[in-house]
């Protein structure tokens, strides 16, 4: 192989390495965003569930007191 072919191969290797790194970064960002959304939705669901249970218990107790 001559020197120009080696330079082309080195540039191609560098380019492919950068693409691989950017894919890893994008995947990490997507995982972070998705897990953040799941945590937020889980927290909202749990809060709504406890609010519903609390209201149901209050209604049940107020109905049985009269």
PDB file of N, CA and C in Angstrom:
ATOM      1  N   UNK A   1       0.847  -1.188   0.000  1.00  0.00           N
ATOM      2  CA  UNK A   1       0.000   0.000   0.000  1.00  0.00           C
ATOM      3  C   UNK A   1       0.882   1.236   0.000  1.00  0.00           C
ATOM      4  N   UNK A   2       0.431   2.212  -0.724  1.00  0.00           N
ATOM      5  CA  UNK A   2       1.203   3.448  -0.722  1.00  0.00           C
ATOM      6  C   UNK A   2       0.674   4.397   0.356  1.00  0.00           C
ATOM      7  N   UNK A   3       1.347   5.502   0.499  1.00  0.00           N
ATOM      8  CA  UNK A   3       1.057   6.442   1.585  1.00  0.00           C
ATOM      9  C   UNK A   3      -0.324   7.077   1.424  1.00  0.00           C
ATOM     10  N   UNK A   4      -0.752   7.373   0.214  1.00  0.00           N
ATOM     11  CA  UNK A   4      -2.063   8.009   0.020  1.00  0.00           C
ATOM     12  C   UNK A   4      -3.197   7.069   0.430  1.00  0.00           C
ATOM     13  N   UNK A   5      -3.039   5.781   0.160  1.00  0.00           N
ATOM     14  CA  UNK A   5      -4.057   4.820   0.590  1.00  0.00           C
ATOM     15  C   UNK A   5      -4.115   4.721   2.109  1.00  0.00           C
ATOM     16  N   UNK A   6      -2.962   4.767   2.766  1.00  0.00           N
ATOM     17  CA  UNK A   6      -2.936   4.729   4.226  1.00  0.00           C
ATOM     18  C   UNK A   6      -3.601   5.964   4.816  1.00  0.00           C
ATOM     19  N   UNK A   7      -3.370   7.123   4.200  1.00  0.00           N
ATOM     20  CA  UNK A   7      -4.011   8.351   4.681  1.00  0.00           C
ATOM     21  C   UNK A   7      -5.526   8.258   4.544  1.00  0.00           C
ATOM     22  N   UNK A   8      -5.975   7.722   3.424  1.00  0.00           N
ATOM     23  CA  UNK A   8      -7.419   7.565   3.214  1.00  0.00           C
ATOM     24  C   UNK A   8      -8.004   6.603   4.238  1.00  0.00           C
ATOM     25  N   UNK A   9      -7.305   5.503   4.497  1.00  0.00           N
ATOM     26  CA  UNK A   9      -7.782   4.542   5.488  1.00  0.00           C
ATOM     27  C   UNK A   9      -7.812   5.147   6.887  1.00  0.00           C
ATOM     28  N   UNK A  10      -6.800   5.945   7.228  1.00  0.00           N
ATOM     29  CA  UNK A  10      -6.774   6.602   8.534  1.00  0.00           C
ATOM     30  C   UNK A  10      -7.926   7.591   8.672  1.00  0.00           C
ATOM     31  N   UNK A  11      -8.202   8.345   7.606  1.00  0.00           N
ATOM     32  CA  UNK A  11      -9.319   9.293   7.652  1.00  0.00           C
ATOM     33  C   UNK A  11     -10.647   8.555   7.761  1.00  0.00           C
ATOM     34  N   UNK A  12     -10.773   7.454   7.042  1.00  0.00           N
ATOM     35  CA  UNK A  12     -12.002   6.661   7.117  1.00  0.00           C
ATOM     36  C   UNK A  12     -12.185   6.077   8.513  1.00  0.00           C
ATOM     37  N   UNK A  13     -11.092   5.606   9.095  1.00  0.00           N
ATOM     38  CA  UNK A  13     -11.162   5.060  10.449  1.00  0.00           C
ATOM     39  C   UNK A  13     -11.571   6.137  11.445  1.00  0.00           C
ATOM     40  N   UNK A  14     -10.987   7.318  11.321  1.00  0.00           N
ATOM     41  CA  UNK A  14     -11.338   8.429  12.205  1.00  0.00           C
ATOM     42  C   UNK A  14     -12.809   8.800  12.043  1.00  0.00           C
ATOM     43  N   UNK A  15     -13.267   8.864  10.801  1.00  0.00           N
ATOM     44  CA  UNK A  15     -14.662   9.208  10.524  1.00  0.00           C
ATOM     45  C   UNK A  15     -15.616   8.182  11.128  1.00  0.00           C
ATOM     46  N   UNK A  16     -15.320   6.906  10.946  1.00  0.00           N
ATOM     47  CA  UNK A  16     -16.182   5.856  11.491  1.00  0.00           C
ATOM     48  C   UNK A  16     -16.163   5.841  13.017  1.00  0.00           C
ATOM     49  N   UNK A  17     -15.009   6.147  13.600  1.00  0.00           N
ATOM     50  CA  UNK A  17     -14.911   6.223  15.056  1.00  0.00           C
ATOM     51  C   UNK A  17     -15.780   7.350  15.593  1.00  0.00           C
ATOM     52  N   UNK A  18     -15.766   8.492  14.921  1.00  0.00           N
ATOM     53  CA  UNK A  18     -16.594   9.625  15.344  1.00  0.00           C
ATOM     54  C   UNK A  18     -18.078   9.302  15.221  1.00  0.00           C
ATOM     55  N   UNK A  19     -18.447   8.599  14.166  1.00  0.00           N
ATOM     56  CA  UNK A  19     -19.852   8.200  14.009  1.00  0.00           C
ATOM     57  C   UNK A  19     -20.265   7.271  15.149  1.00  0.00           C
ATOM     58  N   UNK A  20     -19.403   6.323  15.483  1.00  0.00           N
ATOM     59  CA  UNK A  20     -19.710   5.390  16.569  1.00  0.00           C
ATOM     60  C   UNK A  20     -19.845   6.126  17.893  1.00  0.00           C
ATOM     61  N   UNK A  21     -18.969   7.082  18.143  1.00  0.00           N
ATOM     62  CA  UNK A  21     -19.049   7.852  19.387  1.00  0.00           C
ATOM     63  C   UNK A  21     -20.328   8.667  19.434  1.00  0.00           C
ATOM     64  N   UNK A  22     -20.692   9.294  18.332  1.00  0.00           N
ATOM     65  CA  UNK A  22     -21.904  10.111  18.332  1.00  0.00           C
ATOM     66  C   UNK A  22     -23.145   9.245  18.528  1.00  0.00           C
ATOM     67  N   UNK A  23     -23.146   8.026  17.988  1.00  0.00           N
ATOM     68  CA  UNK A  23     -24.277   7.127  18.206  1.00  0.00           C
ATOM     69  C   UNK A  23     -24.395   6.759  19.678  1.00  0.00           C
ATOM     70  N   UNK A  24     -23.265   6.524  20.322  1.00  0.00           N
ATOM     71  CA  UNK A  24     -23.279   6.184  21.746  1.00  0.00           C
ATOM     72  C   UNK A  24     -23.817   7.355  22.558  1.00  0.00           C
ATOM     73  N   UNK A  25     -23.400   8.563  22.215  1.00  0.00           N
ATOM     74  CA  UNK A  25     -23.874   9.749  22.929  1.00  0.00           C
ATOM     75  C   UNK A  25     -25.376   9.925  22.718  1.00  0.00           C
ATOM     76  N   UNK A  26     -25.836   9.759  21.494  1.00  0.00           N
ATOM     77  CA  UNK A  26     -27.266   9.892  21.205  1.00  0.00           C
ATOM     78  C   UNK A  26     -28.066   8.828  21.951  1.00  0.00           C
ATOM     79  N   UNK A  27     -27.567   7.609  21.984  1.00  0.00           N
ATOM     80  CA  UNK A  27     -28.257   6.550  22.721  1.00  0.00           C
ATOM     81  C   UNK A  27     -28.316   6.867  24.207  1.00  0.00           C
ATOM     82  N   UNK A  28     -27.229   7.384  24.756  1.00  0.00           N
ATOM     83  CA  UNK A  28     -27.212   7.733  26.177  1.00  0.00           C
ATOM     84  C   UNK A  28     -28.212   8.848  26.469  1.00  0.00           C
ATOM     85  N   UNK A  29     -28.284   9.840  25.594  1.00  0.00           N
ATOM     86  CA  UNK A  29     -29.253  10.921  25.782  1.00  0.00           C
ATOM     87  C   UNK A  29     -30.685  10.403  25.710  1.00  0.00           C
ATOM     88  N   UNK A  30     -30.952   9.534  24.752  1.00  0.00           N
ATOM     89  CA  UNK A  30     -32.304   8.982  24.636  1.00  0.00           C
ATOM     90  C   UNK A  30     -32.682   8.147  25.854  1.00  0.00           C
ATOM     91  N   UNK A  31     -31.751   7.362  26.349  1.00  0.00           N
ATOM     92  CA  UNK A  31     -32.021   6.564  27.550  1.00  0.00           C
ATOM     93  C   UNK A  31     -32.306   7.482  28.734  1.00  0.00           C
ATOM     94  N   UNK A  32     -31.538   8.552  28.867  1.00  0.00           N
ATOM     95  CA  UNK A  32     -31.768   9.504  29.952  1.00  0.00           C
ATOM     96  C   UNK A  32     -33.122  10.173  29.859  1.00  0.00           C
ATOM     97  N   UNK A  33     -33.490  10.588  28.661  1.00  0.00           N
ATOM     98  CA  UNK A  33     -34.785  11.251  28.474  1.00  0.00           C
ATOM     99  C   UNK A  33     -35.937  10.292  28.756  1.00  0.00           C
ATOM    100  N   UNK A  34     -35.844   9.084  28.228  1.00  0.00           N
ATOM    101  CA  UNK A  34     -36.922   8.108  28.426  1.00  0.00           C
ATOM    102  C   UNK A  34     -37.054   7.725  29.894  1.00  0.00           C
ATOM    103  N   UNK A  35     -35.936   7.492  30.565  1.00  0.00           N
ATOM    104  CA  UNK A  35     -36.022   7.120  31.979  1.00  0.00           C
ATOM    105  C   UNK A  35     -36.542   8.281  32.819  1.00  0.00           C
ATOM    106  N   UNK A  36     -36.169   9.511  32.464  1.00  0.00           N
ATOM    107  CA  UNK A  36     -36.709  10.678  33.165  1.00  0.00           C
ATOM    108  C   UNK A  36     -38.212  10.788  33.001  1.00  0.00           C
ATOM    109  N   UNK A  37     -38.697  10.573  31.786  1.00  0.00           N
ATOM    110  CA  UNK A  37     -40.141  10.616  31.549  1.00  0.00           C
ATOM    111  C   UNK A  37     -40.873   9.513  32.304  1.00  0.00           C
ATOM    112  N   UNK A  38     -40.263   8.338  32.369  1.00  0.00           N
ATOM    113  CA  UNK A  38     -40.884   7.243  33.117  1.00  0.00           C
ATOM    114  C   UNK A  38     -40.954   7.549  34.610  1.00  0.00           C
ATOM    115  N   UNK A  39     -39.907   8.147  35.148  1.00  0.00           N
ATOM    116  CA  UNK A  39     -39.902   8.507  36.570  1.00  0.00           C
ATOM    117  C   UNK A  39     -40.980   9.545  36.852  1.00  0.00           C
ATOM    118  N   UNK A  40     -41.082  10.546  35.988  1.00  0.00           N
ATOM    119  CA  UNK A  40     -42.087  11.594  36.188  1.00  0.00           C
ATOM    120  C   UNK A  40     -43.495  11.013  36.099  1.00  0.00           C
ATOM    121  N   UNK A  41     -43.748  10.191  35.097  1.00  0.00           N
ATOM    122  CA  UNK A  41     -45.093   9.615  34.952  1.00  0.00           C
ATOM    123  C   UNK A  41     -45.419   8.676  36.110  1.00  0.00           C
ATOM    124  N   UNK A  42     -44.441   7.922  36.580  1.00  0.00           N
ATOM    125  CA  UNK A  42     -44.670   7.039  37.726  1.00  0.00           C
ATOM    126  C   UNK A  42     -45.016   7.855  38.963  1.00  0.00           C
ATOM    127  N   UNK A  43     -44.289   8.948  39.167  1.00  0.00           N
ATOM    128  CA  UNK A  43     -44.549   9.799  40.335  1.00  0.00           C
ATOM    129  C   UNK A  43     -45.945  10.410  40.265  1.00  0.00           C
ATOM    130  N   UNK A  44     -46.339  10.873  39.087  1.00  0.00           N
ATOM    131  CA  UNK A  44     -47.675  11.452  38.921  1.00  0.00           C
ATOM    132  C   UNK A  44     -48.746  10.396  39.174  1.00  0.00           C
ATOM    133  N   UNK A  45     -48.542   9.193  38.653  1.00  0.00           N
ATOM    134  CA  UNK A  45     -49.521   8.116  38.854  1.00  0.00           C
ATOM    135  C   UNK A  45     -49.649   7.750  40.324  1.00  0.00           C
ATOM    136  N   UNK A  46     -48.539   7.660  41.020  1.00  0.00           N
ATOM    137  CA  UNK A  46     -48.576   7.315  42.445  1.00  0.00           C
ATOM    138  C   UNK A  46     -49.273   8.415  43.234  1.00  0.00           C
ATOM    139  N   UNK A  47     -48.984   9.683  42.923  1.00  0.00           N
ATOM    140  CA  UNK A  47     -49.626  10.799  43.608  1.00  0.00           C
ATOM    141  C   UNK A  47     -51.132  10.772  43.371  1.00  0.00           C
ATOM    142  N   UNK A  48     -51.544  10.556  42.125  1.00  0.00           N
ATOM    143  CA  UNK A  48     -52.974  10.475  41.815  1.00  0.00           C
ATOM    144  C   UNK A  48     -53.626   9.289  42.517  1.00  0.00           C
ATOM    145  N   UNK A  49     -52.930   8.176  42.589  1.00  0.00           N
ATOM    146  CA  UNK A  49     -53.475   6.999  43.262  1.00  0.00           C
ATOM    147  C   UNK A  49     -53.703   7.279  44.741  1.00  0.00           C
ATOM    148  N   UNK A  50     -52.726   7.877  45.416  1.00  0.00           N
ATOM    149  CA  UNK A  50     -52.893   8.186  46.833  1.00  0.00           C
ATOM    150  C   UNK A  50     -53.983   9.223  47.051  1.00  0.00           C
ATOM    151  N   UNK A  51     -54.108  10.194  46.151  1.00  0.00           N
ATOM    152  CA  UNK A  51     -55.176  11.186  46.256  1.00  0.00           C
ATOM    153  C   UNK A  51     -56.539  10.513  46.114  1.00  0.00           C
ATOM    154  N   UNK A  52     -56.660   9.607  45.160  1.00  0.00           N
ATOM    155  CA  UNK A  52     -57.913   8.875  44.958  1.00  0.00           C
ATOM    156  C   UNK A  52     -58.258   8.025  46.177  1.00  0.00           C
ATOM    157  N   UNK A  53     -57.271   7.304  46.705  1.00  0.00           N
ATOM    158  CA  UNK A  53     -57.516   6.450  47.874  1.00  0.00           C
ATOM    159  C   UNK A  53     -57.904   7.298  49.073  1.00  0.00           C
ATOM    160  N   UNK A  54     -57.222   8.419  49.258  1.00  0.00           N
ATOM    161  CA  UNK A  54     -57.532   9.300  50.381  1.00  0.00           C
ATOM    162  C   UNK A  54     -58.953   9.837  50.273  1.00  0.00           C
ATOM    163  N   UNK A  55     -59.336  10.274  49.078  1.00  0.00           N
ATOM    164  CA  UNK A  55     -60.700  10.770  48.875  1.00  0.00           C
ATOM    165  C   UNK A  55     -61.733   9.681  49.078  1.00  0.00           C
ATOM    166  N   UNK A  56     -61.437   8.477  48.619  1.00  0.00           N
ATOM    167  CA  UNK A  56     -62.375   7.360  48.785  1.00  0.00           C
ATOM    168  C   UNK A  56     -62.548   7.002  50.254  1.00  0.00           C
ATOM    169  N   UNK A  57     -61.456   7.003  50.992  1.00  0.00           N
ATOM    170  CA  UNK A  57     -61.530   6.685  52.424  1.00  0.00           C
ATOM    171  C   UNK A  57     -62.316   7.766  53.151  1.00  0.00           C
ATOM    172  N   UNK A  58     -62.091   9.033  52.816  1.00  0.00           N
ATOM    173  CA  UNK A  58     -62.837  10.129  53.458  1.00  0.00           C
ATOM    174  C   UNK A  58     -64.325  10.009  53.150  1.00  0.00           C
ATOM    175  N   UNK A  59     -64.664   9.724  51.890  1.00  0.00           N
ATOM    176  CA  UNK A  59     -66.075   9.558  51.533  1.00  0.00           C
ATOM    177  C   UNK A  59     -66.694   8.368  52.253  1.00  0.00           C
ATOM    178  N   UNK A  60     -65.965   7.281  52.336  1.00  0.00           N
ATOM    179  CA  UNK A  60     -66.471   6.093  53.013  1.00  0.00           C
ATOM    180  C   UNK A  60     -66.718   6.375  54.490  1.00  0.00           C
ATOM    181  N   UNK A  61     -65.777   7.070  55.131  1.00  0.00           N
ATOM    182  CA  UNK A  61     -65.921   7.368  56.552  1.00  0.00           C
ATOM    183  C   UNK A  61     -67.043   8.366  56.788  1.00  0.00           C
ATOM    184  N   UNK A  62     -67.197   9.352  55.902  1.00  0.00           N
ATOM    185  CA  UNK A  62     -68.263  10.343  56.098  1.00  0.00           C
ATOM    186  C   UNK A  62     -69.635   9.722  55.860  1.00  0.00           C
ATOM    187  N   UNK A  63     -69.752   8.771  54.956  1.00  0.00           N
ATOM    188  CA  UNK A  63     -71.034   8.096  54.716  1.00  0.00           C
ATOM    189  C   UNK A  63     -71.393   7.221  55.914  1.00  0.00           C
ATOM    190  N   UNK A  64     -70.427   6.550  56.487  1.00  0.00           N
ATOM    191  CA  UNK A  64     -70.697   5.646  57.606  1.00  0.00           C
ATOM    192  C   UNK A  64     -70.924   6.382  58.915  1.00  0.00           C
ATOM    193  N   UNK A  65     -70.523   7.651  59.022  1.00  0.00           N
ATOM    194  CA  UNK A  65     -70.736   8.409  60.256  1.00  0.00           C
ATOM    195  C   UNK A  65     -72.182   8.854  60.393  1.00  0.00           C
ATOM    196  N   UNK A  66     -72.925   8.950  59.301  1.00  0.00           N
ATOM    197  CA  UNK A  66     -74.307   9.445  59.369  1.00  0.00           C
ATOM    198  C   UNK A  66     -75.297   8.342  59.317  1.00  0.00           C
TER     199      UNK A  66
END
